[in-house]
Amino acid sequence: MTLRELDDRNEQTQALRALLAAPFVGADEPAYALLRRHERELARTLQSTYGYQLEVGSTAARASGPPTPEGLRRPLRIPPASISGRRRPPDEWPALADRACVLLLLTLAALERGGAQTAIAELARNVERAGADVEPPLSVDFRARSERVAFADGLDLLCTWGVLEHTSGSHDSYARREQGEDEALFTVDRRRLALLLRDPAITLESTTLEQLLDETWRYPPTPEGENRARSEQLARRLTEDPALLLSDLDEEERTYFLGQRARIESAVATATGYQVERRAEGSALIVNDRSFTDVPFPTNATVKQVALLLCDVLAAAGPGGELSAEALRHAIHELVTEHGRHWSRDAADPAQIAALTEAAIEVLLACDLALGTEAGGLRPRPLAARFRSPLVRAPGVQR
């Protein structure tokens, strides 16, 4: 490979990483110039490897495609307004509540019907009308403060994505005080707004999540079409999920992956510039700079230190093992007894132990280190063994 070819490959890798790491790459970002320079090659790679569609506009670019099953469980998070807040890990940012997600969708519908600019009071009225047009109708009442706060959270997220620009004024009354006729003015980036929906026609026709996510129309009804769909789905899961585990695949997916494993791993490694680690349990993309990471782990945060130490307990349970809710609370009580002075936690306070247990479980589930049980316990996942202390032996391993 020549020096020029190597430079082109590095630029394409940087651009592709930027596209996969955020909803939009803005025209003011360094990666935008790279993706414009290599637009054709990037479009081909995204389509052939992931089944993603590259859209490049004058203000932003976006790679759109269906989420992975794991991705559907991740909440939308709003970057804090303060600089110190934005420096916190993304998983510590406020999550968009269910009601805020509903109002966000209604806001998008209202924006689609509007013009290039809108005042917040006018937008709020249009959101109420959009809710009334839904079948069955959705009642929206901005006289309730909780409703206004949920609406404002959605606006903040759209501003973060660059779909809206807060041009002037304030929307404080929709977040904190009594409702009023605010003078806040938003400018709408209609190109970004259009890019949020990959196929508006299917979106309008869908009445269930399954219909919205249905991708069968994209592939010919042939064995080749089915294999292409499997290949793209597996590449997405290898790239975007913590790991691609064989136990998570159905029989057909597992058979296909084992037969095409080297090709899929090579395609993902080439596209992203990262290495793929292969284990008996599955494969994982090793992202050493955390550019794709929405739940950094491990870190110095107390909850994540507790979750890291719990990996020893999970690894000790072994494959097929299970930790009951009582066993988890006992394990965390022991950890706080030993390390509580560093964590500012008191082992004698049941409320602190309960809160720490709940928070640590959330981290373990989000990182795919464990599976929850109906009784509130945990079952270890193969990834947990990766984070166990080298002094802790896995069950059945001889020294």
Protein backbone atom coordinates (compact mmCIF):
# COMPACT_ATOMS: atom_id res chain seq x y z
CA MET A 1 0.00 0.00 0.00
CA THR A 2 1.40 3.38 -1.00
CA LEU A 3 1.71 6.30 1.39
CA ARG A 4 -1.17 8.05 -0.37
CA GLU A 5 -3.37 4.97 -0.13
CA LEU A 6 -2.51 4.68 3.56
CA ASP A 7 -3.47 8.32 4.14
CA ASP A 8 -6.77 7.79 2.30
CA ARG A 9 -7.53 4.71 4.40
CA ASN A 10 -6.84 6.60 7.63
CA GLU A 11 -9.06 9.49 6.57
CA GLN A 12 -11.89 7.14 5.62
CA THR A 13 -11.57 5.37 8.96
CA GLN A 14 -11.76 8.67 10.87
CA ALA A 15 -14.82 9.75 8.92
CA LEU A 16 -16.59 6.43 9.35
CA ARG A 17 -15.94 6.41 13.10
CA ALA A 18 -17.44 9.90 13.35
CA LEU A 19 -20.53 8.79 11.43
CA LEU A 20 -21.07 5.78 13.67
CA ALA A 21 -20.40 7.63 16.92
CA ALA A 22 -23.02 10.40 16.66
CA PRO A 23 -26.40 11.03 15.02
CA PHE A 24 -24.94 13.77 12.81
CA VAL A 25 -21.55 14.99 11.66
CA GLY A 26 -21.91 18.76 11.30
CA ALA A 27 -20.36 20.75 8.48
CA ASP A 28 -18.26 22.60 11.07
CA GLU A 29 -16.60 19.39 12.30
CA PRO A 30 -13.20 18.23 10.97
CA ALA A 31 -14.60 14.82 9.97
CA TYR A 32 -17.12 16.43 7.62
CA ALA A 33 -14.41 17.52 5.17
CA LEU A 34 -13.00 13.99 5.22
CA LEU A 35 -16.33 12.33 4.50
CA ARG A 36 -17.04 14.75 1.67
CA ARG A 37 -13.64 13.90 0.22
CA HIS A 38 -14.31 10.15 0.47
CA GLU A 39 -18.09 10.16 0.16
CA ARG A 40 -18.31 7.49 -2.53
CA GLU A 41 -16.02 5.03 -0.75
CA LEU A 42 -17.71 5.61 2.61
CA ALA A 43 -21.18 5.14 1.13
CA ARG A 44 -20.09 1.86 -0.40
CA THR A 45 -18.49 0.61 2.85
CA LEU A 46 -21.46 1.58 5.01
CA GLN A 47 -23.90 -0.07 2.60
CA SER A 48 -21.98 -3.29 1.97
CA THR A 49 -20.85 -3.85 5.57
CA TYR A 50 -23.75 -2.54 7.66
CA GLY A 51 -26.65 -1.86 5.31
CA TYR A 52 -26.46 1.80 6.32
CA GLN A 53 -27.36 4.66 4.02
CA LEU A 54 -25.05 7.68 3.88
CA GLU A 55 -26.77 11.05 3.48
CA VAL A 56 -24.57 14.11 3.00
CA GLY A 57 -26.14 17.57 3.03
CA SER A 58 -24.88 21.11 3.12
CA THR A 59 -25.13 21.37 6.92
CA ALA A 60 -24.55 17.80 8.11
CA ALA A 61 -24.06 14.16 7.19
CA ARG A 62 -25.69 11.09 8.70
CA ALA A 63 -25.40 7.31 8.43
CA SER A 64 -28.88 5.90 8.96
CA GLY A 65 -29.97 2.36 9.50
CA PRO A 66 -31.83 0.03 11.86
CA PRO A 67 -30.62 -0.28 15.47
CA THR A 68 -29.43 -3.51 17.03
CA PRO A 69 -31.66 -5.22 19.63
CA GLU A 70 -29.22 -4.05 22.30
CA GLY A 71 -29.36 -0.53 20.90
CA LEU A 72 -33.13 -0.39 21.31
CA ARG A 73 -32.66 -0.76 25.05
CA ARG A 74 -30.33 2.21 25.36
CA PRO A 75 -32.01 5.46 26.45
CA LEU A 76 -31.65 8.77 24.67
CA ARG A 77 -29.51 11.07 26.80
CA ILE A 78 -29.35 14.85 26.89
CA PRO A 79 -25.93 16.52 27.17
CA PRO A 80 -25.99 18.89 30.19
CA ALA A 81 -25.86 22.61 29.54
CA SER A 82 -22.85 23.20 31.80
CA ILE A 83 -19.29 22.51 30.69
CA SER A 84 -18.63 20.46 33.81
CA GLY A 85 -21.74 18.39 33.15
CA ARG A 86 -20.68 17.61 29.60
CA ARG A 87 -17.35 16.34 30.89
CA ARG A 88 -19.13 13.61 32.81
CA PRO A 89 -19.44 10.20 31.10
CA PRO A 90 -22.39 10.07 28.65
CA ASP A 91 -24.23 7.44 30.71
CA GLU A 92 -24.40 9.93 33.59
CA TRP A 93 -26.23 12.50 31.46
CA PRO A 94 -30.00 12.79 32.06
CA ALA A 95 -32.03 10.21 30.15
CA LEU A 96 -35.07 11.22 28.15
CA ALA A 97 -38.14 9.96 30.00
CA ASP A 98 -40.88 7.98 28.24
CA ARG A 99 -43.25 10.96 28.18
CA ALA A 100 -40.49 13.18 26.82
CA CYS A 101 -39.93 10.67 24.01
CA VAL A 102 -43.62 10.81 23.10
CA LEU A 103 -43.56 14.61 23.06
CA LEU A 104 -40.34 14.53 21.04
CA LEU A 105 -42.07 12.53 18.29
CA LEU A 106 -45.01 14.93 18.33
CA THR A 107 -42.56 17.83 18.15
CA LEU A 108 -40.96 16.33 15.04
CA ALA A 109 -44.39 16.00 13.46
CA ALA A 110 -45.18 19.62 14.31
CA LEU A 111 -41.83 20.82 12.93
CA GLU A 112 -42.37 18.89 9.71
CA ARG A 113 -45.58 20.86 9.12
CA GLY A 114 -44.01 24.21 9.98
CA GLY A 115 -41.57 26.63 8.42
CA ALA A 116 -37.93 27.56 8.81
CA GLN A 117 -38.47 29.26 12.17
CA THR A 118 -40.91 28.85 15.03
CA ALA A 119 -41.62 30.50 18.35
CA ILE A 120 -41.81 28.13 21.29
CA ALA A 121 -45.39 29.03 22.19
CA GLU A 122 -46.49 28.43 18.61
CA LEU A 123 -44.60 25.13 18.53
CA ALA A 124 -46.27 24.06 21.77
CA ARG A 125 -49.71 24.68 20.26
CA ASN A 126 -48.74 22.69 17.16
CA VAL A 127 -47.56 19.82 19.35
CA GLU A 128 -50.97 19.77 21.04
CA ARG A 129 -52.61 19.64 17.61
CA ALA A 130 -50.28 16.86 16.49
CA GLY A 131 -51.28 14.84 19.54
CA ALA A 132 -54.96 15.34 18.70
CA ASP A 133 -54.33 14.05 15.15
CA VAL A 134 -52.89 10.73 16.37
CA GLU A 135 -55.14 7.68 16.33
CA PRO A 136 -56.05 7.18 19.12
CA PRO A 137 -55.55 10.84 20.13
CA LEU A 138 -52.83 11.75 22.63
CA SER A 139 -53.79 14.39 25.16
CA VAL A 140 -51.13 17.07 25.68
CA ASP A 141 -51.67 19.68 28.37
CA PHE A 142 -48.86 22.18 28.84
CA ARG A 143 -50.57 23.68 31.85
CA ALA A 144 -48.92 20.84 33.79
CA ARG A 145 -45.32 21.63 34.73
CA SER A 146 -44.21 18.02 34.19
CA GLU A 147 -45.50 18.21 30.63
CA ARG A 148 -43.60 21.43 29.99
CA VAL A 149 -40.38 19.99 31.41
CA ALA A 150 -40.69 16.88 29.21
CA PHE A 151 -41.29 19.11 26.18
CA ALA A 152 -38.24 21.27 27.04
CA ASP A 153 -36.06 18.17 27.39
CA GLY A 154 -36.97 17.12 23.86
CA LEU A 155 -36.15 20.61 22.57
CA ASP A 156 -32.76 20.46 24.29
CA LEU A 157 -32.02 17.14 22.58
CA LEU A 158 -33.02 18.51 19.16
CA CYS A 159 -30.73 21.49 19.77
CA THR A 160 -27.90 19.10 20.62
CA TRP A 161 -28.50 17.24 17.36
CA GLY A 162 -28.55 20.52 15.45
CA VAL A 163 -32.11 20.00 14.21
CA LEU A 164 -33.06 23.15 16.11
CA GLU A 165 -31.00 26.25 16.82
CA HIS A 166 -32.07 28.35 19.79
CA THR A 167 -31.86 31.68 17.99
CA SER A 168 -33.15 34.05 20.66
CA GLY A 169 -35.22 34.37 23.79
CA SER A 170 -35.82 31.90 26.60
CA HIS A 171 -37.96 28.82 27.13
CA ASP A 172 -37.71 28.98 30.92
CA SER A 173 -41.45 28.85 31.48
CA TYR A 174 -41.56 25.42 29.85
CA ALA A 175 -38.88 24.16 32.19
CA ARG A 176 -39.24 25.87 35.55
CA ARG A 177 -41.83 28.58 36.05
CA GLU A 178 -45.46 29.14 35.18
CA GLN A 179 -46.47 28.69 31.57
CA GLY A 180 -46.36 31.90 29.53
CA GLU A 181 -46.08 33.24 26.03
CA ASP A 182 -42.31 32.90 25.74
CA GLU A 183 -40.42 34.83 23.11
CA ALA A 184 -37.97 31.99 22.39
CA LEU A 185 -37.31 31.59 18.69
CA PHE A 186 -35.94 28.43 17.06
CA THR A 187 -34.48 28.05 13.59
CA VAL A 188 -35.15 24.65 12.02
CA ASP A 189 -32.48 22.82 10.02
CA ARG A 190 -34.93 21.12 7.70
CA ARG A 191 -32.23 18.98 6.13
CA ARG A 192 -31.33 17.42 9.47
CA LEU A 193 -35.00 17.10 10.31
CA ALA A 194 -35.55 15.13 7.10
CA LEU A 195 -32.55 12.89 7.81
CA LEU A 196 -33.98 11.74 11.15
CA LEU A 197 -36.40 9.46 9.28
CA ARG A 198 -34.76 7.17 6.77
CA ASP A 199 -38.04 6.29 5.08
CA PRO A 200 -40.94 8.66 5.92
CA ALA A 201 -43.46 6.56 3.97
CA ILE A 202 -42.80 3.43 6.05
CA THR A 203 -42.79 5.53 9.21
CA LEU A 204 -46.27 6.85 8.41
CA GLU A 205 -47.61 3.39 7.58
CA SER A 206 -46.19 1.66 10.67
CA THR A 207 -48.46 1.09 13.64
CA THR A 208 -46.08 -1.10 15.70
CA LEU A 209 -42.38 -1.06 16.50
CA GLU A 210 -41.96 -4.31 14.57
CA GLN A 211 -43.35 -2.72 11.42
CA LEU A 212 -41.17 0.34 11.87
CA LEU A 213 -38.04 -1.82 12.17
CA ASP A 214 -38.97 -4.25 9.40
CA GLU A 215 -36.16 -4.40 6.85
CA THR A 216 -37.29 -7.36 4.74
CA TRP A 217 -38.35 -5.06 1.90
CA ARG A 218 -34.72 -4.10 1.38
CA TYR A 219 -33.63 -7.61 0.41
CA PRO A 220 -34.72 -9.92 -2.40
CA PRO A 221 -36.75 -12.95 -1.16
CA THR A 222 -33.93 -15.35 -2.04
CA PRO A 223 -31.28 -17.25 -0.04
CA GLU A 224 -28.75 -14.63 -1.17
CA GLY A 225 -30.99 -11.85 0.12
CA GLU A 226 -31.45 -13.59 3.47
CA ASN A 227 -27.70 -14.09 3.83
CA ARG A 228 -27.01 -10.46 3.00
CA ALA A 229 -29.47 -9.36 5.69
CA ARG A 230 -27.83 -11.67 8.24
CA SER A 231 -24.36 -10.42 7.35
CA GLU A 232 -25.31 -6.76 7.80
CA GLN A 233 -27.17 -7.43 11.06
CA LEU A 234 -24.23 -9.35 12.51
CA ALA A 235 -21.76 -6.64 11.46
CA ARG A 236 -23.92 -4.01 13.19
CA ARG A 237 -24.05 -6.05 16.38
CA LEU A 238 -20.30 -6.69 16.33
CA THR A 239 -19.62 -2.96 15.92
CA GLU A 240 -22.26 -1.35 18.13
CA ASP A 241 -22.90 -3.84 20.95
CA PRO A 242 -20.44 -4.73 23.74
CA ALA A 243 -19.88 -8.14 22.12
CA LEU A 244 -21.41 -10.52 19.61
CA LEU A 245 -22.03 -13.70 21.60
CA LEU A 246 -22.91 -16.99 19.95
CA SER A 247 -25.42 -17.74 22.71
CA ASP A 248 -27.44 -14.66 21.70
CA LEU A 249 -27.89 -15.87 18.11
CA ASP A 250 -30.60 -18.18 16.88
CA GLU A 251 -29.60 -21.41 15.13
CA GLU A 252 -29.60 -19.94 11.61
CA GLU A 253 -27.67 -16.83 12.65
CA ARG A 254 -25.13 -18.92 14.54
CA THR A 255 -24.58 -21.28 11.63
CA TYR A 256 -24.17 -18.40 9.21
CA PHE A 257 -21.83 -16.46 11.51
CA LEU A 258 -19.56 -19.43 12.16
CA GLY A 259 -19.31 -20.03 8.41
CA GLN A 260 -18.68 -16.34 7.60
CA ARG A 261 -16.94 -15.28 10.80
CA ALA A 262 -13.57 -14.42 9.28
CA ARG A 263 -15.13 -12.36 6.51
CA ILE A 264 -17.45 -10.39 8.83
CA GLU A 265 -14.72 -9.77 11.38
CA SER A 266 -12.33 -8.62 8.64
CA ALA A 267 -14.92 -6.29 7.10
CA VAL A 268 -15.67 -4.64 10.46
CA ALA A 269 -11.98 -4.35 11.37
CA THR A 270 -11.16 -2.80 7.99
CA ALA A 271 -14.06 -0.34 8.14
CA THR A 272 -13.42 0.86 11.71
CA GLY A 273 -9.66 0.45 11.97
CA TYR A 274 -10.07 -1.46 15.25
CA GLN A 275 -9.10 -5.04 16.06
CA VAL A 276 -11.64 -7.80 16.56
CA GLU A 277 -10.98 -10.18 19.43
CA ARG A 278 -12.22 -13.73 18.89
CA ARG A 279 -13.12 -16.02 21.79
CA ALA A 280 -14.96 -19.31 22.07
CA GLU A 281 -18.05 -17.42 23.29
CA GLY A 282 -18.09 -14.96 20.39
CA SER A 283 -16.33 -11.89 19.02
CA ALA A 284 -15.84 -8.31 20.22
CA LEU A 285 -14.58 -5.11 18.63
CA ILE A 286 -11.87 -3.65 20.85
CA VAL A 287 -12.31 0.12 20.85
CA ASN A 288 -9.25 1.31 22.72
CA ASP A 289 -10.03 5.03 22.52
CA ARG A 290 -13.70 4.68 23.63
CA SER A 291 -14.92 6.66 20.62
CA PHE A 292 -17.99 4.39 20.32
CA THR A 293 -18.48 4.02 24.07
CA ASP A 294 -21.67 5.38 25.61
CA VAL A 295 -21.09 3.56 28.93
CA PRO A 296 -17.39 3.96 29.82
CA PHE A 297 -16.23 1.04 31.98
CA PRO A 298 -14.30 0.81 34.18
CA THR A 299 -13.85 4.34 35.50
CA ASN A 300 -13.07 6.03 38.83
CA ALA A 301 -16.76 6.59 39.59
CA THR A 302 -17.82 4.81 42.78
CA VAL A 303 -20.70 2.91 41.18
CA LYS A 304 -18.47 1.60 38.40
CA GLN A 305 -15.77 0.61 40.87
CA VAL A 306 -18.40 -1.41 42.72
CA ALA A 307 -19.59 -2.96 39.44
CA LEU A 308 -15.99 -3.82 38.55
CA LEU A 309 -15.43 -5.57 41.87
CA LEU A 310 -18.71 -7.43 41.42
CA CYS A 311 -17.23 -9.00 38.29
CA ASP A 312 -15.11 -11.14 40.63
CA VAL A 313 -18.28 -12.36 42.33
CA LEU A 314 -19.96 -13.01 38.97
CA ALA A 315 -16.91 -14.86 37.61
CA ALA A 316 -16.86 -17.01 40.72
CA ALA A 317 -20.47 -18.02 40.05
CA GLY A 318 -19.34 -19.45 36.70
CA PRO A 319 -21.26 -20.11 33.47
CA GLY A 320 -24.84 -21.02 34.24
CA GLY A 321 -24.50 -19.72 37.80
CA GLU A 322 -26.72 -17.16 39.42
CA LEU A 323 -26.50 -14.56 42.15
CA SER A 324 -29.67 -13.92 44.09
CA ALA A 325 -30.72 -10.40 45.06
CA GLU A 326 -29.80 -11.24 48.66
CA ALA A 327 -26.35 -12.48 47.59
CA LEU A 328 -25.77 -9.26 45.63
CA ARG A 329 -26.71 -7.07 48.59
CA HIS A 330 -24.44 -9.16 50.83
CA ALA A 331 -21.55 -8.84 48.35
CA ILE A 332 -21.94 -5.07 48.15
CA HIS A 333 -22.23 -4.84 51.93
CA GLU A 334 -18.88 -6.62 52.17
CA LEU A 335 -17.34 -4.30 49.58
CA VAL A 336 -18.59 -1.19 51.36
CA THR A 337 -17.31 -2.56 54.66
CA GLU A 338 -13.86 -2.85 53.11
CA HIS A 339 -13.78 0.22 50.86
CA GLY A 340 -16.52 2.48 52.21
CA ARG A 341 -14.14 5.10 53.57
CA HIS A 342 -12.89 5.73 50.03
CA TRP A 343 -16.41 5.80 48.59
CA SER A 344 -18.05 7.93 51.31
CA ARG A 345 -20.50 5.10 51.94
CA ASP A 346 -21.62 3.59 55.25
CA ALA A 347 -22.07 -0.18 55.39
CA ALA A 348 -24.42 0.24 58.36
CA ASP A 349 -26.92 2.23 56.26
CA PRO A 350 -29.31 -0.16 54.44
CA ALA A 351 -30.58 2.63 52.18
CA GLN A 352 -27.06 3.33 50.90
CA ILE A 353 -26.45 -0.38 50.29
CA ALA A 354 -29.75 -0.73 48.42
CA ALA A 355 -29.08 2.34 46.24
CA LEU A 356 -25.54 1.23 45.46
CA THR A 357 -26.76 -2.27 44.60
CA GLU A 358 -29.39 -0.94 42.20
CA ALA A 359 -26.93 1.43 40.51
CA ALA A 360 -24.23 -1.25 40.13
CA ILE A 361 -26.74 -3.67 38.62
CA GLU A 362 -27.71 -1.03 36.05
CA VAL A 363 -24.04 -0.69 35.01
CA LEU A 364 -23.55 -4.46 34.73
CA LEU A 365 -26.67 -4.82 32.59
CA ALA A 366 -25.78 -1.85 30.37
CA CYS A 367 -22.28 -3.24 29.73
CA ASP A 368 -23.68 -6.71 28.98
CA LEU A 369 -21.72 -8.16 31.90
CA ALA A 370 -24.77 -9.85 33.39
CA LEU A 371 -28.39 -10.76 32.74
CA GLY A 372 -31.15 -9.92 35.18
CA THR A 373 -33.39 -12.59 36.68
CA GLU A 374 -37.09 -12.31 37.48
CA ALA A 375 -36.26 -12.48 41.17
CA GLY A 376 -33.94 -9.48 40.97
CA GLY A 377 -30.69 -11.43 40.83
CA LEU A 378 -28.02 -11.68 38.14
CA ARG A 379 -26.59 -14.33 35.85
CA PRO A 380 -23.01 -13.73 34.68
CA ARG A 381 -22.24 -13.12 31.03
CA PRO A 382 -18.95 -14.14 29.40
CA LEU A 383 -17.72 -10.53 29.35
CA ALA A 384 -17.68 -10.44 33.16
CA ALA A 385 -14.70 -12.80 33.21
CA ARG A 386 -12.70 -10.25 31.22
CA PHE A 387 -12.85 -7.82 34.16
CA ARG A 388 -12.26 -10.20 37.04
CA SER A 389 -9.17 -9.85 39.18
CA PRO A 390 -6.26 -12.04 38.02
CA LEU A 391 -6.24 -13.46 41.56
CA VAL A 392 -9.76 -14.85 41.12
CA ARG A 393 -9.98 -18.19 39.36
CA ALA A 394 -12.94 -19.06 37.20
CA PRO A 395 -14.76 -22.25 38.28
CA GLY A 396 -13.09 -25.36 36.96
CA VAL A 397 -9.78 -23.65 36.15
CA GLN A 398 -6.78 -25.36 37.71
CA ARG A 399 -3.65 -23.53 38.77
